[in-house]
Amino acid sequence: MSDSPPSNPASEPKRPRLSGNALGAVFMVLSGIGFTIYTVLAKQLSVDVHPVFLAFWRSAFALIFSVPVILRVGLHQMKTKRPGLLFARSLFGTLGFTLAMVAVSDLFTLSLSQFNAISFSRSLFVTVLAAIILREMVGPHRWGAVAVGFVGVLIMVVPGVFMFWNPDAGSGFQLDGGTLSAIGSAFFLAFAIVLVKTLSAELSAVALLTYANILSTVLLLPFVFVFWSMPDLETWGWIFFMAMTGFVSQFCYISGVSVGDASFISPLDYLRLPMATVADLLVVGLLPGINVWIGAGIIIVSAVYITIRERKRQAQPVTVLKER
């Protein structure tokens, strides 16, 4: 037997806890991995079933997952004084994620990396919509960043536009349904985000997520019969797993932005692009073209700049009326 005295847990140094930003970064990385798996599954499953069918069951299964969560925090958190605004938020959110499912589906040739790159334009749409709907003060710096960001979108969707001096630049260009669906998805999700800014004053993130799943399931119910498919048992299992992955990823994203500083956490969301690139390489053996990288880089820089400017604006005294 050892003669050494037993260790005293109270005397042992405690391991330092993760800071809010470090924990938020972990959540954001997990969210990015989960969303990448989710989009890969959606693309693969759309070979056999329609993406609208997948969108419905994604909402329906996510609703089942969210019920225990909302019961744990309490049904009183579901009370709202603005049901009309809540319905509008859910409508735009449903349109956004359904168009996302359509964009990455087997119906079109849009790669996962292209879709993710275009989806980053949400922050640009959020700035524009916040100025119009919420009457937020947007100064010349952020308007300039928005304009530059949309140039990045143009570079991605019009191959060769950054070589405008070449007479053949953009020749053979055709804006397909996948690209249009991805842009539409970014716009409608941005609309939902802007409305969340108003609703978050009275509803928690968990309540908003639960309402979104309830109303999305109801809104998509008529369409599921139009696009009904008869998947086998194995496919149903993958659909269930896809929905669970999407729900967990969304929960990780909400957790990440809630515990970390926005100016630090938000740029980590752009890790989805290299993750999607790896997925494209493994699934279809393709890498995105140079126009995707250039366009995505411009959008990311613009979005990060907008985030920083927004952070500085919020830190200014309320008496400041003009953004410098």
Protein backbone atom coordinates (compact mmCIF):
# COMPACT_ATOMS: atom_id res chain seq x y z
CA MET A 1 0.00 0.00 0.00
CA SER A 2 1.13 3.51 -0.66
CA ASP A 3 1.99 5.71 2.33
CA SER A 4 1.13 8.88 0.44
CA PRO A 5 -1.74 10.86 2.01
CA PRO A 6 -5.03 10.80 0.19
CA SER A 7 -5.57 13.71 -2.13
CA ASN A 8 -7.88 16.43 -0.98
CA PRO A 9 -10.17 17.54 -3.84
CA ALA A 10 -10.68 20.89 -2.17
CA SER A 11 -6.93 21.59 -2.20
CA GLU A 12 -6.49 20.69 -5.89
CA PRO A 13 -6.41 23.64 -8.29
CA LYS A 14 -9.63 24.02 -10.23
CA ARG A 15 -9.52 23.92 -14.00
CA PRO A 16 -10.28 27.33 -15.47
CA ARG A 17 -13.66 27.53 -17.13
CA LEU A 18 -13.96 28.52 -20.76
CA SER A 19 -14.60 32.19 -21.36
CA GLY A 20 -17.79 33.26 -23.09
CA ASN A 21 -15.98 33.79 -26.40
CA ALA A 22 -14.16 30.46 -26.17
CA LEU A 23 -17.38 28.58 -25.40
CA GLY A 24 -19.16 30.50 -28.15
CA ALA A 25 -16.41 29.54 -30.60
CA VAL A 26 -16.87 25.86 -29.72
CA PHE A 27 -20.61 26.15 -30.31
CA MET A 28 -20.05 27.92 -33.65
CA VAL A 29 -17.61 25.27 -34.89
CA LEU A 30 -20.03 22.51 -33.89
CA SER A 31 -22.82 24.43 -35.61
CA GLY A 32 -20.77 24.71 -38.81
CA ILE A 33 -19.97 21.00 -38.82
CA GLY A 34 -23.62 20.15 -38.17
CA PHE A 35 -24.94 22.43 -40.91
CA THR A 36 -22.44 20.96 -43.37
CA ILE A 37 -23.63 17.43 -42.57
CA TYR A 38 -27.22 18.66 -42.80
CA THR A 39 -26.77 20.14 -46.29
CA VAL A 40 -24.89 17.06 -47.51
CA LEU A 41 -27.75 14.84 -46.35
CA ALA A 42 -30.34 17.16 -47.91
CA LYS A 43 -28.52 17.04 -51.25
CA GLN A 44 -28.13 13.25 -51.17
CA LEU A 45 -31.71 12.58 -50.05
CA SER A 46 -33.15 14.88 -52.73
CA VAL A 47 -32.11 12.29 -55.31
CA ASP A 48 -35.03 10.13 -54.13
CA VAL A 49 -37.47 12.61 -52.53
CA HIS A 50 -38.51 16.17 -53.35
CA PRO A 51 -36.78 18.94 -51.33
CA VAL A 52 -40.15 20.41 -50.24
CA PHE A 53 -41.02 16.99 -48.80
CA LEU A 54 -37.70 17.09 -46.93
CA ALA A 55 -38.37 20.64 -45.73
CA PHE A 56 -41.69 19.60 -44.18
CA TRP A 57 -40.26 16.64 -42.29
CA ARG A 58 -37.29 18.70 -41.22
CA SER A 59 -39.76 21.05 -39.48
CA ALA A 60 -42.02 18.29 -38.18
CA PHE A 61 -39.20 16.27 -36.62
CA ALA A 62 -37.53 19.44 -35.27
CA LEU A 63 -40.84 20.30 -33.60
CA ILE A 64 -40.75 16.94 -31.82
CA PHE A 65 -37.20 17.69 -30.66
CA SER A 66 -38.10 21.16 -29.40
CA VAL A 67 -41.12 20.11 -27.31
CA PRO A 68 -39.07 18.72 -24.37
CA VAL A 69 -36.89 21.84 -24.45
CA ILE A 70 -39.79 24.28 -24.20
CA LEU A 71 -41.49 22.16 -21.51
CA ARG A 72 -38.30 22.34 -19.48
CA VAL A 73 -38.02 26.13 -19.63
CA GLY A 74 -41.77 26.61 -19.15
CA LEU A 75 -44.78 27.21 -21.36
CA HIS A 76 -45.13 30.74 -19.98
CA GLN A 77 -42.24 31.72 -22.24
CA MET A 78 -44.47 31.12 -25.27
CA LYS A 79 -46.74 34.08 -24.48
CA THR A 80 -46.65 36.83 -27.09
CA LYS A 81 -48.44 40.13 -27.67
CA ARG A 82 -47.54 40.26 -31.38
CA PRO A 83 -48.85 37.08 -33.05
CA GLY A 84 -49.01 38.78 -36.46
CA LEU A 85 -45.33 39.70 -36.37
CA LEU A 86 -44.48 36.21 -35.13
CA PHE A 87 -46.40 34.67 -38.04
CA ALA A 88 -44.58 36.93 -40.52
CA ARG A 89 -41.22 35.93 -39.05
CA SER A 90 -42.11 32.24 -39.35
CA LEU A 91 -43.41 32.71 -42.91
CA PHE A 92 -40.18 34.34 -44.08
CA GLY A 93 -38.11 31.80 -42.17
CA THR A 94 -40.04 28.94 -43.79
CA LEU A 95 -39.53 30.42 -47.25
CA GLY A 96 -35.84 30.90 -46.48
CA PHE A 97 -34.97 27.39 -45.36
CA THR A 98 -37.27 25.74 -47.94
CA LEU A 99 -35.55 27.65 -50.76
CA ALA A 100 -32.24 26.59 -49.22
CA MET A 101 -33.31 22.94 -49.47
CA VAL A 102 -34.33 23.51 -53.08
CA ALA A 103 -31.05 25.28 -53.91
CA VAL A 104 -28.79 22.47 -52.67
CA SER A 105 -31.02 19.70 -53.97
CA ASP A 106 -30.31 17.33 -56.82
CA LEU A 107 -32.68 19.39 -58.98
CA PHE A 108 -29.83 21.84 -59.68
CA THR A 109 -26.06 21.78 -60.05
CA LEU A 110 -25.26 24.32 -57.34
CA SER A 111 -22.42 23.02 -55.17
CA LEU A 112 -22.48 23.17 -51.38
CA SER A 113 -19.60 25.65 -51.33
CA GLN A 114 -21.39 27.93 -53.82
CA PHE A 115 -24.57 27.78 -51.75
CA ASN A 116 -22.74 28.59 -48.51
CA ALA A 117 -20.87 31.45 -50.14
CA ILE A 118 -24.12 32.98 -51.43
CA SER A 119 -25.79 32.44 -48.04
CA PHE A 120 -23.26 34.80 -46.46
CA SER A 121 -25.05 37.66 -48.23
CA ARG A 122 -27.71 37.45 -45.49
CA SER A 123 -25.82 40.01 -43.42
CA LEU A 124 -25.93 42.41 -46.37
CA PHE A 125 -29.69 41.98 -46.74
CA VAL A 126 -30.10 42.37 -42.95
CA THR A 127 -28.41 45.79 -43.08
CA VAL A 128 -30.66 46.96 -45.92
CA LEU A 129 -33.86 45.61 -44.37
CA ALA A 130 -33.02 46.93 -40.90
CA ALA A 131 -32.64 50.41 -42.37
CA ILE A 132 -35.97 50.14 -44.18
CA ILE A 133 -38.09 48.27 -41.63
CA LEU A 134 -36.54 49.14 -38.26
CA ARG A 135 -35.42 52.62 -39.31
CA GLU A 136 -31.91 51.88 -38.06
CA MET A 137 -29.31 54.53 -38.76
CA VAL A 138 -26.94 53.21 -41.43
CA GLY A 139 -24.06 55.50 -42.29
CA PRO A 140 -21.95 55.72 -45.46
CA HIS A 141 -19.38 53.23 -44.16
CA ARG A 142 -21.87 50.39 -43.83
CA TRP A 143 -23.72 51.33 -47.03
CA GLY A 144 -20.38 51.17 -48.81
CA ALA A 145 -19.65 47.75 -47.32
CA VAL A 146 -23.08 46.53 -48.44
CA ALA A 147 -22.44 47.74 -52.00
CA VAL A 148 -19.03 46.04 -52.08
CA GLY A 149 -20.57 42.85 -50.68
CA PHE A 150 -23.17 42.70 -53.44
CA VAL A 151 -20.35 43.05 -55.96
CA GLY A 152 -19.01 39.85 -54.39
CA VAL A 153 -22.38 38.17 -54.99
CA LEU A 154 -22.29 39.33 -58.61
CA ILE A 155 -18.80 37.87 -59.06
CA MET A 156 -20.04 34.50 -57.79
CA VAL A 157 -23.20 34.26 -59.87
CA VAL A 158 -21.72 35.71 -63.07
CA PRO A 159 -18.51 33.79 -63.79
CA GLY A 160 -15.89 35.96 -65.47
CA VAL A 161 -17.37 39.31 -64.42
CA PHE A 162 -14.17 40.16 -62.50
CA MET A 163 -12.39 39.94 -65.88
CA PHE A 164 -14.74 42.51 -67.43
CA TRP A 165 -12.05 43.73 -69.82
CA ASN A 166 -12.18 40.39 -71.60
CA PRO A 167 -14.79 40.47 -74.43
CA ASP A 168 -15.75 36.86 -73.63
CA ALA A 169 -16.18 37.48 -69.90
CA GLY A 170 -19.51 36.11 -68.74
CA SER A 171 -20.25 34.47 -72.08
CA GLY A 172 -22.58 31.56 -71.78
CA PHE A 173 -23.85 32.85 -68.46
CA GLN A 174 -27.21 31.51 -67.34
CA LEU A 175 -28.73 32.26 -63.94
CA ASP A 176 -30.15 28.87 -62.98
CA GLY A 177 -32.85 28.05 -60.46
CA GLY A 178 -30.35 26.87 -57.86
CA THR A 179 -28.59 30.23 -57.74
CA LEU A 180 -31.89 32.13 -57.67
CA SER A 181 -33.15 29.89 -54.86
CA ALA A 182 -29.95 30.47 -52.86
CA ILE A 183 -30.25 34.26 -53.24
CA GLY A 184 -33.96 34.12 -52.37
CA SER A 185 -33.14 32.00 -49.31
CA ALA A 186 -30.59 34.56 -48.10
CA PHE A 187 -33.11 37.38 -48.56
CA PHE A 188 -36.02 35.73 -46.74
CA LEU A 189 -33.81 34.50 -43.89
CA ALA A 190 -32.49 38.04 -43.52
CA PHE A 191 -36.10 39.25 -43.31
CA ALA A 192 -36.73 36.70 -40.54
CA ILE A 193 -33.59 37.83 -38.68
CA VAL A 194 -34.70 41.47 -38.80
CA LEU A 195 -38.09 40.54 -37.33
CA VAL A 196 -36.37 38.46 -34.63
CA LYS A 197 -34.62 41.66 -33.48
CA THR A 198 -38.05 43.01 -32.59
CA LEU A 199 -39.55 39.80 -31.20
CA SER A 200 -36.52 38.94 -29.03
CA ALA A 201 -37.56 41.69 -26.64
CA GLU A 202 -40.44 39.52 -25.38
CA LEU A 203 -39.62 35.96 -26.51
CA SER A 204 -36.60 33.81 -25.71
CA ALA A 205 -34.53 32.13 -28.42
CA VAL A 206 -36.01 28.73 -27.46
CA ALA A 207 -39.56 30.08 -27.78
CA LEU A 208 -38.81 31.63 -31.18
CA LEU A 209 -37.29 28.35 -32.36
CA THR A 210 -40.32 26.39 -31.17
CA TYR A 211 -42.78 28.79 -32.81
CA ALA A 212 -40.75 28.62 -36.04
CA ASN A 213 -40.99 24.82 -36.11
CA ILE A 214 -44.72 24.82 -35.28
CA LEU A 215 -45.67 27.35 -37.94
CA SER A 216 -43.28 25.95 -40.56
CA THR A 217 -44.86 22.53 -40.13
CA VAL A 218 -48.35 24.02 -40.55
CA LEU A 219 -47.37 26.20 -43.53
CA LEU A 220 -45.69 23.31 -45.37
CA LEU A 221 -48.37 20.72 -44.59
CA PRO A 222 -50.48 21.37 -47.76
CA PHE A 223 -47.39 21.16 -49.99
CA VAL A 224 -46.16 17.87 -48.56
CA PHE A 225 -49.13 16.13 -50.20
CA VAL A 226 -48.36 17.78 -53.54
CA PHE A 227 -44.74 16.59 -53.42
CA TRP A 228 -45.40 13.38 -51.50
CA SER A 229 -42.85 10.61 -51.84
CA MET A 230 -42.75 7.02 -50.62
CA PRO A 231 -39.29 6.60 -49.08
CA ASP A 232 -38.21 3.25 -47.70
CA LEU A 233 -37.42 2.66 -44.03
CA GLU A 234 -33.73 3.42 -44.44
CA THR A 235 -34.48 6.75 -46.15
CA TRP A 236 -36.88 7.67 -43.34
CA GLY A 237 -34.03 7.05 -40.90
CA TRP A 238 -31.75 9.40 -42.83
CA ILE A 239 -34.50 12.05 -42.99
CA PHE A 240 -34.90 11.81 -39.22
CA PHE A 241 -31.12 12.10 -38.76
CA MET A 242 -31.00 15.10 -41.13
CA ALA A 243 -33.71 16.88 -39.13
CA MET A 244 -31.97 16.12 -35.84
CA THR A 245 -28.66 17.42 -37.21
CA GLY A 246 -30.31 20.63 -38.40
CA PHE A 247 -32.02 21.18 -35.04
CA VAL A 248 -28.84 20.57 -33.02
CA SER A 249 -26.85 22.83 -35.35
CA GLN A 250 -29.40 25.62 -35.00
CA PHE A 251 -29.38 25.21 -31.23
CA CYS A 252 -25.56 25.38 -31.19
CA TYR A 253 -25.67 28.53 -33.32
CA ILE A 254 -28.15 30.23 -30.98
CA SER A 255 -26.07 29.16 -27.97
CA GLY A 256 -22.89 30.45 -29.59
CA VAL A 257 -24.19 33.94 -30.33
CA SER A 258 -25.82 34.15 -26.89
CA VAL A 259 -22.67 33.42 -24.82
CA GLY A 260 -20.03 35.12 -26.97
CA ASP A 261 -19.36 38.61 -28.24
CA ALA A 262 -21.01 39.16 -31.62
CA SER A 263 -17.96 40.80 -33.21
CA PHE A 264 -15.88 37.74 -32.26
CA ILE A 265 -18.44 34.98 -32.83
CA SER A 266 -20.08 36.06 -36.11
CA PRO A 267 -16.98 35.72 -38.34
CA LEU A 268 -16.57 32.11 -37.17
CA ASP A 269 -19.76 31.28 -39.07
CA TYR A 270 -17.74 31.67 -42.28
CA LEU A 271 -15.87 28.46 -41.44
CA ARG A 272 -18.81 26.79 -43.16
CA LEU A 273 -17.24 27.65 -46.52
CA PRO A 274 -14.07 25.55 -46.15
CA MET A 275 -16.18 22.83 -44.49
CA ALA A 276 -18.54 22.83 -47.49
CA THR A 277 -15.55 22.78 -49.84
CA VAL A 278 -14.23 19.64 -48.15
CA ALA A 279 -17.73 18.13 -48.39
CA ASP A 280 -17.89 18.93 -52.12
CA LEU A 281 -14.50 17.31 -52.63
CA LEU A 282 -15.50 14.15 -50.74
CA VAL A 283 -19.06 13.83 -52.10
CA VAL A 284 -18.78 14.94 -55.74
CA GLY A 285 -15.02 15.34 -56.20
CA LEU A 286 -15.25 19.02 -57.22
CA LEU A 287 -13.64 22.20 -55.96
CA PRO A 288 -15.24 25.66 -56.31
CA GLY A 289 -13.98 27.91 -59.09
CA ILE A 290 -11.89 31.01 -58.50
CA ASN A 291 -14.96 33.25 -58.89
CA VAL A 292 -16.54 31.57 -55.83
CA TRP A 293 -13.45 32.17 -53.70
CA ILE A 294 -13.07 35.78 -54.82
CA GLY A 295 -16.77 36.57 -54.41
CA ALA A 296 -17.00 34.82 -51.05
CA GLY A 297 -13.89 36.62 -49.81
CA ILE A 298 -15.38 40.01 -50.73
CA ILE A 299 -18.70 39.16 -49.04
CA ILE A 300 -16.98 37.91 -45.87
CA VAL A 301 -14.79 41.00 -45.56
CA SER A 302 -17.83 43.23 -46.11
CA ALA A 303 -19.93 41.31 -43.58
CA VAL A 304 -17.20 41.38 -40.94
CA TYR A 305 -16.76 45.13 -41.47
CA ILE A 306 -20.52 45.67 -41.11
CA THR A 307 -20.47 43.65 -37.87
CA ILE A 308 -17.62 45.75 -36.47
CA ARG A 309 -19.30 49.03 -37.45
CA GLU A 310 -22.59 47.85 -35.92
CA ARG A 311 -20.74 46.96 -32.73
CA LYS A 312 -19.16 50.41 -32.56
CA ARG A 313 -22.51 52.07 -33.26
CA GLN A 314 -24.15 50.22 -30.37
CA ALA A 315 -21.31 51.24 -28.06
CA GLN A 316 -21.83 54.93 -28.82
CA PRO A 317 -24.04 57.11 -26.57
CA VAL A 318 -27.69 57.23 -27.59
CA THR A 319 -27.32 60.95 -28.28
CA VAL A 320 -25.13 60.22 -31.28
CA LEU A 321 -27.41 60.50 -34.30
CA LYS A 322 -24.98 60.13 -37.13
CA GLU A 323 -22.63 57.25 -37.86
CA ARG A 324 -19.11 58.43 -38.49
